Amino acid sequence: MPSSAQPPRHPSSTAEARDDEVSLTVVGIDVGGTKTHIRGVDTTGSVSEIVVPSAEWRRGSLFSDDDNFARLSSAVHSLGVVASDTVVVAGVHGCDTDEQTMLATTRLRSLLNAEVTVVNDALLLHHATTIRPTIEMIVGTGAVISGTTATGARVTVDGYGWPLGDKGSSHALVSAALRATLDASDKGQVDQDTLFPAMLSSFDARNAAELAERSASNAGGASWGRHASVVFDQAEAGSRVACDIIDRAASELADGVAHAVRRGAVGRTVVAGGGVIVNQPGYEAAIRGHLERVLPGVELLVVRTPPVQGAVQWARELRAALAERSVVGS
């Protein structure tokens, strides 16, 4: 989907589907900090999907531009006919409060004229497994931990975005590495750990002043997060500083789960997803170790299927429930 153009709209996507017309039965949406994954299943069972950078439809934060929702709904329409009985589940990064999820649900429901449920993207992990209850953890460009109390109330830890939070995320790892490199430069110790010259090289900087300027001029969760592989590569190569940064981040994530449990979140399984934890087995192992330390007996389960599958599964469950209610009420 080019950033300068809207995705093509299906010719019948805004009208009621005819009895003989193929339409979408369920649509799953996973909106992450970096990319958006949309998957639809139509009445023939065919699956269609698109994956685009979130920046192609989202301008600023989710709610800073009202047209963000129009662009997102247009991407959904590009998959096929959206009928009045189409069920859409969207896990959206940036929907952290009841008010935000209600606003996003109302906007998308109006634009799509379909059954729409919007939740925080972490909740998609809950429906990616058959385990109930669970505590959800996303570790990618951003990071958030969520759970549910015995009374059904949601509990969320962190997820505050790259300037203030997202401990354990790719951005947080790079931020720590940048600070460590600048501190080492101040002390004249840049040559004492391989992480420091690797960070300079990653940002194409010759010295600390250039590193500070170049990183600050391109600050952001995704832009800094792209350098996280440097931290992991240097840890694997033996960098003590990189290993310490990764271990502290893993400890902070485990502590976040403990905070959620203390606030009433129930479940003995932490279901985790996100590009960082999925693709870094050493990081996964460190998080698992710290979880065992702070919450003995709690299991860490990393979901390696795309989170959008959780959205599709949830939409199927909701569609089945709606159909059952319709039969009972007839």
Protein backbone atom coordinates (compact mmCIF):
# COMPACT_ATOMS: atom_id res chain seq x y z
CA MET A 1 0.00 0.00 0.00
CA PRO A 2 1.91 3.09 -1.15
CA SER A 3 1.97 5.84 1.44
CA SER A 4 0.68 8.35 -1.11
CA ALA A 5 -2.37 6.35 -2.08
CA GLN A 6 -5.27 4.57 -0.48
CA PRO A 7 -5.54 0.79 -0.95
CA PRO A 8 -7.95 -0.20 -3.71
CA ARG A 9 -11.50 -0.50 -2.45
CA HIS A 10 -13.50 -3.53 -3.44
CA PRO A 11 -16.34 -2.32 -5.67
CA SER A 12 -18.96 -3.68 -3.28
CA SER A 13 -17.17 -3.09 0.00
CA THR A 14 -19.45 -0.34 1.21
CA ALA A 15 -22.75 -1.94 0.26
CA GLU A 16 -24.83 -4.72 1.71
CA ALA A 17 -23.57 -8.04 0.45
CA ARG A 18 -25.99 -9.86 -1.90
CA ASP A 19 -26.96 -13.44 -1.08
CA ASP A 20 -24.77 -14.73 -3.94
CA GLU A 21 -21.89 -12.34 -3.27
CA VAL A 22 -18.68 -13.43 -1.61
CA SER A 23 -18.10 -11.35 1.51
CA LEU A 24 -15.73 -11.36 4.45
CA THR A 25 -16.96 -13.38 7.41
CA VAL A 26 -14.20 -12.44 9.83
CA VAL A 27 -11.33 -9.97 9.82
CA GLY A 28 -8.42 -9.90 12.23
CA ILE A 29 -6.25 -6.81 12.64
CA ASP A 30 -2.97 -6.55 14.53
CA VAL A 31 -1.75 -2.96 14.80
CA GLY A 32 1.75 -2.85 16.22
CA GLY A 33 4.16 -0.01 16.69
CA THR A 34 6.02 -0.96 13.51
CA LYS A 35 3.64 -2.86 11.24
CA THR A 36 -0.04 -3.57 10.73
CA HIS A 37 -1.19 -7.06 9.75
CA ILE A 38 -4.76 -7.53 8.46
CA ARG A 39 -6.19 -10.96 7.62
CA GLY A 40 -9.66 -11.71 6.28
CA VAL A 41 -11.58 -14.93 5.68
CA ASP A 42 -14.47 -14.84 3.22
CA THR A 43 -17.61 -16.93 2.80
CA THR A 44 -15.76 -19.41 0.56
CA GLY A 45 -13.08 -19.95 3.20
CA SER A 46 -10.43 -18.09 1.21
CA VAL A 47 -7.90 -16.13 3.23
CA SER A 48 -6.47 -12.78 2.15
CA GLU A 49 -4.11 -10.54 4.03
CA ILE A 50 -1.89 -7.48 3.86
CA VAL A 51 1.05 -6.36 5.96
CA VAL A 52 2.04 -2.70 5.84
CA PRO A 53 4.12 -0.34 7.97
CA SER A 54 1.81 1.27 10.51
CA ALA A 55 3.20 4.65 9.45
CA GLU A 56 1.54 4.21 6.04
CA TRP A 57 -1.91 4.82 7.53
CA ARG A 58 -1.24 6.26 10.99
CA ARG A 59 -0.24 9.90 11.19
CA GLY A 60 1.20 10.78 14.58
CA SER A 61 -0.39 8.91 17.47
CA LEU A 62 -3.50 6.81 16.91
CA PHE A 63 -5.94 9.52 18.00
CA SER A 64 -4.05 12.62 16.82
CA ASP A 65 -5.48 12.39 13.27
CA ASP A 66 -9.11 11.35 12.87
CA ASP A 67 -8.39 10.19 9.32
CA ASN A 68 -6.19 7.44 10.74
CA PHE A 69 -9.29 5.31 11.22
CA ALA A 70 -10.52 6.05 7.70
CA ARG A 71 -7.21 4.91 6.26
CA LEU A 72 -7.24 1.77 8.39
CA SER A 73 -10.80 0.91 7.39
CA SER A 74 -9.87 1.47 3.75
CA ALA A 75 -7.14 -1.14 4.14
CA VAL A 76 -9.75 -3.58 5.48
CA HIS A 77 -12.04 -2.85 2.53
CA SER A 78 -9.19 -3.69 0.16
CA LEU A 79 -9.44 -7.35 1.23
CA GLY A 80 -13.03 -7.80 0.04
CA VAL A 81 -16.68 -7.05 0.73
CA VAL A 82 -17.38 -6.00 4.31
CA ALA A 83 -20.98 -6.99 5.09
CA SER A 84 -23.17 -6.05 8.04
CA ASP A 85 -22.52 -9.50 9.56
CA THR A 86 -18.75 -9.36 9.10
CA VAL A 87 -17.02 -9.64 12.48
CA VAL A 88 -13.84 -7.63 12.96
CA VAL A 89 -11.44 -7.90 15.89
CA ALA A 90 -8.62 -5.38 16.06
CA GLY A 91 -5.76 -5.49 18.51
CA VAL A 92 -4.42 -1.95 18.48
CA HIS A 93 -1.19 -0.65 19.94
CA GLY A 94 -2.10 2.62 21.66
CA CYS A 95 -5.53 1.54 22.93
CA ASP A 96 -4.68 1.33 26.61
CA THR A 97 -7.82 2.58 28.39
CA ASP A 98 -11.51 1.77 28.22
CA GLU A 99 -12.17 5.21 26.77
CA GLN A 100 -9.63 4.72 23.99
CA THR A 101 -10.91 1.28 23.03
CA MET A 102 -14.51 2.52 23.04
CA LEU A 103 -13.58 5.48 20.82
CA ALA A 104 -11.66 3.29 18.37
CA THR A 105 -14.48 0.73 18.30
CA THR A 106 -17.08 3.41 17.58
CA ARG A 107 -15.02 4.96 14.77
CA LEU A 108 -14.24 1.66 13.04
CA ARG A 109 -17.77 0.33 13.50
CA SER A 110 -19.14 3.44 11.81
CA LEU A 111 -16.64 3.32 8.95
CA LEU A 112 -16.92 -0.41 8.29
CA ASN A 113 -20.63 -0.85 9.11
CA ALA A 114 -19.79 -4.20 10.68
CA GLU A 115 -19.46 -5.89 14.07
CA VAL A 116 -16.21 -4.47 15.48
CA THR A 117 -14.30 -5.19 18.69
CA VAL A 118 -11.16 -3.20 19.48
CA VAL A 119 -8.74 -4.23 22.23
CA ASN A 120 -5.15 -3.60 23.19
CA ASP A 121 -2.88 -5.61 20.92
CA ALA A 122 -1.53 -7.64 23.85
CA LEU A 123 -4.93 -9.30 24.25
CA LEU A 124 -4.55 -11.03 20.88
CA LEU A 125 -2.02 -13.35 22.50
CA HIS A 126 -4.71 -14.55 24.91
CA HIS A 127 -6.72 -15.92 21.98
CA ALA A 128 -3.71 -17.41 20.20
CA THR A 129 -3.73 -20.31 22.71
CA THR A 130 -6.36 -22.43 24.42
CA ILE A 131 -4.93 -21.68 27.86
CA ARG A 132 -7.20 -19.74 30.22
CA PRO A 133 -6.47 -17.53 32.09
CA THR A 134 -3.21 -16.01 30.90
CA ILE A 135 -1.04 -12.96 31.44
CA GLU A 136 0.00 -11.38 28.16
CA MET A 137 3.39 -9.85 27.35
CA ILE A 138 4.44 -8.12 24.14
CA VAL A 139 8.15 -7.52 23.60
CA GLY A 140 8.84 -5.87 20.28
CA THR A 141 9.26 -2.28 19.19
CA GLY A 142 7.23 -1.50 22.29
CA ALA A 143 6.51 -3.55 25.38
CA VAL A 144 3.43 -4.04 27.52
CA ILE A 145 2.13 -6.57 30.05
CA SER A 146 -1.54 -7.14 30.68
CA GLY A 147 -3.81 -9.48 32.59
CA THR A 148 -7.32 -9.91 33.94
CA THR A 149 -8.49 -10.03 37.52
CA ALA A 150 -10.91 -12.63 38.89
CA THR A 151 -13.71 -10.08 38.43
CA GLY A 152 -12.82 -9.44 34.76
CA ALA A 153 -11.06 -6.10 35.21
CA ARG A 154 -8.06 -5.45 32.99
CA VAL A 155 -4.64 -4.81 34.54
CA THR A 156 -1.93 -3.22 32.40
CA VAL A 157 1.72 -2.61 33.22
CA ASP A 158 3.82 -0.21 31.13
CA GLY A 159 3.12 0.21 27.42
CA TYR A 160 3.61 3.95 27.86
CA GLY A 161 5.55 4.40 24.63
CA TRP A 162 9.20 4.96 23.84
CA PRO A 163 9.81 8.34 25.51
CA LEU A 164 8.59 7.23 28.95
CA GLY A 165 8.30 3.46 29.16
CA ASP A 166 8.20 0.21 27.19
CA LYS A 167 10.84 -1.39 29.41
CA GLY A 168 12.43 -4.39 27.77
CA SER A 169 11.51 -3.32 24.23
CA SER A 170 13.94 -3.00 21.36
CA HIS A 171 13.93 0.76 21.85
CA ALA A 172 14.69 0.44 25.56
CA LEU A 173 17.64 -1.86 24.85
CA VAL A 174 19.12 0.59 22.35
CA SER A 175 18.47 3.53 24.65
CA ALA A 176 20.44 1.79 27.40
CA ALA A 177 23.25 0.98 24.96
CA LEU A 178 23.41 4.60 23.79
CA ARG A 179 23.63 5.90 27.35
CA ALA A 180 26.33 3.36 28.19
CA THR A 181 28.34 4.35 25.12
CA LEU A 182 28.14 8.05 25.89
CA ASP A 183 29.07 7.42 29.51
CA ALA A 184 32.06 5.33 28.42
CA SER A 185 33.16 8.14 26.13
CA ASP A 186 33.02 10.64 28.99
CA LYS A 187 35.26 8.32 31.00
CA GLY A 188 37.65 7.65 28.13
CA GLN A 189 36.68 3.98 28.09
CA VAL A 190 35.21 3.49 24.62
CA ASP A 191 37.83 0.85 23.86
CA GLN A 192 37.00 -1.24 26.94
CA ASP A 193 33.91 -3.05 25.58
CA THR A 194 33.00 -4.04 22.03
CA LEU A 195 29.47 -2.67 22.37
CA PHE A 196 30.67 0.93 22.37
CA PRO A 197 32.39 1.04 18.96
CA ALA A 198 29.58 -1.14 17.57
CA MET A 199 27.00 1.48 18.61
CA LEU A 200 29.07 4.26 17.06
CA SER A 201 29.28 2.29 13.84
CA SER A 202 25.58 1.43 13.84
CA PHE A 203 24.67 5.12 13.95
CA ASP A 204 27.50 6.00 11.52
CA ALA A 205 29.08 8.25 14.16
CA ARG A 206 32.77 8.93 14.63
CA ASN A 207 32.52 10.08 18.24
CA ALA A 208 30.13 10.62 21.15
CA ALA A 209 29.03 14.06 19.98
CA GLU A 210 27.98 12.69 16.59
CA LEU A 211 26.32 9.70 18.24
CA ALA A 212 24.25 11.98 20.46
CA GLU A 213 23.30 14.26 17.59
CA ARG A 214 22.39 11.50 15.14
CA SER A 215 20.44 9.42 17.61
CA ALA A 216 18.55 12.46 18.94
CA SER A 217 17.69 13.73 15.47
CA ASN A 218 16.13 10.38 14.63
CA ALA A 219 14.63 9.52 18.00
CA GLY A 220 11.66 7.19 18.08
CA GLY A 221 10.58 3.73 19.10
CA ALA A 222 10.93 2.14 15.67
CA SER A 223 13.94 4.15 14.50
CA TRP A 224 16.02 3.32 17.57
CA GLY A 225 14.62 -0.19 17.84
CA ARG A 226 16.11 -1.14 14.48
CA HIS A 227 19.55 -1.04 16.13
CA ALA A 228 18.65 -3.62 18.80
CA SER A 229 20.34 -6.40 16.84
CA VAL A 230 23.67 -4.70 17.64
CA VAL A 231 23.08 -5.22 21.36
CA PHE A 232 22.19 -8.88 20.90
CA ASP A 233 25.06 -9.52 18.47
CA GLN A 234 27.60 -7.98 20.83
CA ALA A 235 26.23 -9.93 23.78
CA GLU A 236 26.68 -13.13 21.80
CA ALA A 237 30.22 -12.02 20.95
CA GLY A 238 31.02 -11.62 24.63
CA SER A 239 30.31 -7.96 25.45
CA ARG A 240 29.84 -7.72 29.21
CA VAL A 241 27.96 -4.41 28.92
CA ALA A 242 25.54 -5.78 26.30
CA CYS A 243 24.90 -8.86 28.45
CA ASP A 244 24.18 -6.65 31.45
CA ILE A 245 21.75 -4.49 29.44
CA ILE A 246 19.85 -7.56 28.24
CA ASP A 247 19.75 -9.09 31.72
CA ARG A 248 18.42 -5.87 33.30
CA ALA A 249 15.75 -5.58 30.62
CA ALA A 250 14.69 -9.18 31.17
CA SER A 251 14.51 -8.54 34.91
CA GLU A 252 12.32 -5.46 34.36
CA LEU A 253 9.88 -7.48 32.24
CA ALA A 254 9.65 -10.19 34.89
CA ASP A 255 9.08 -7.53 37.54
CA GLY A 256 6.31 -6.11 35.36
CA VAL A 257 4.53 -9.46 35.42
CA ALA A 258 4.92 -9.56 39.20
CA HIS A 259 3.39 -6.07 39.44
CA ALA A 260 0.40 -7.27 37.39
CA VAL A 261 -0.05 -10.29 39.67
CA ARG A 262 0.13 -8.13 42.79
CA ARG A 263 -2.60 -5.96 41.30
CA GLY A 264 -4.85 -8.99 40.89
CA ALA A 265 -4.03 -10.47 37.46
CA VAL A 266 -4.73 -14.21 37.48
CA GLY A 267 -3.04 -16.99 35.56
CA ARG A 268 0.08 -19.12 35.83
CA THR A 269 1.06 -18.81 32.16
CA VAL A 270 2.63 -15.73 30.59
CA VAL A 271 1.86 -15.77 26.88
CA ALA A 272 4.46 -13.68 25.08
CA GLY A 273 4.82 -12.40 21.55
CA GLY A 274 6.55 -9.68 19.58
CA GLY A 275 9.51 -9.65 17.24
CA VAL A 276 12.19 -9.28 19.91
CA ILE A 277 11.26 -12.17 22.17
CA VAL A 278 10.30 -14.41 19.25
CA ASN A 279 13.60 -13.92 17.42
CA GLN A 280 16.06 -13.75 20.34
CA PRO A 281 16.26 -17.09 22.14
CA GLY A 282 18.89 -15.80 24.57
CA TYR A 283 16.58 -12.97 25.61
CA GLU A 284 13.69 -15.40 25.97
CA ALA A 285 15.84 -17.56 28.25
CA ALA A 286 16.81 -14.55 30.39
CA ILE A 287 13.17 -13.49 30.79
CA ARG A 288 12.21 -17.07 31.66
CA GLY A 289 14.92 -17.20 34.31
CA HIS A 290 13.89 -13.95 35.94
CA LEU A 291 10.21 -15.00 35.91
CA GLU A 292 11.14 -18.14 37.78
CA ARG A 293 13.02 -15.99 40.28
CA VAL A 294 10.20 -13.55 41.02
CA LEU A 295 7.20 -15.85 40.39
CA PRO A 296 8.20 -19.49 40.91
CA GLY A 297 6.00 -21.89 38.97
CA VAL A 298 4.82 -19.33 36.40
CA GLU A 299 5.33 -20.64 32.86
CA LEU A 300 6.48 -18.55 29.89
CA LEU A 301 4.92 -19.54 26.56
CA VAL A 302 6.18 -17.69 23.48
CA VAL A 303 3.64 -17.56 20.66
CA ARG A 304 5.45 -17.87 17.34
CA THR A 305 2.40 -17.59 15.12
CA PRO A 306 1.49 -14.07 13.97
CA PRO A 307 -0.69 -12.28 16.56
CA VAL A 308 -3.23 -11.56 13.84
CA GLN A 309 -4.19 -15.24 14.07
CA GLY A 310 -5.39 -14.55 17.60
CA ALA A 311 -7.57 -11.74 16.23
CA VAL A 312 -9.03 -14.03 13.57
CA GLN A 313 -9.73 -16.76 16.13
CA TRP A 314 -11.40 -14.24 18.44
CA ALA A 315 -13.54 -12.95 15.56
CA ARG A 316 -14.61 -16.52 14.77
CA GLU A 317 -15.61 -17.09 18.40
CA LEU A 318 -17.63 -13.86 18.43
CA ARG A 319 -19.31 -14.70 15.11
CA ALA A 320 -20.28 -18.14 16.42
CA ALA A 321 -21.70 -16.59 19.59
CA LEU A 322 -23.72 -14.07 17.55
CA ALA A 323 -25.10 -16.85 15.37
CA GLU A 324 -26.08 -18.89 18.43
CA ARG A 325 -27.88 -15.93 19.97
CA SER A 326 -29.68 -15.33 16.70
CA VAL A 327 -30.92 -18.94 16.62
CA VAL A 328 -32.04 -18.81 20.24
CA GLY A 329 -33.84 -15.53 19.67
CA SER A 330 -35.67 -16.68 16.54
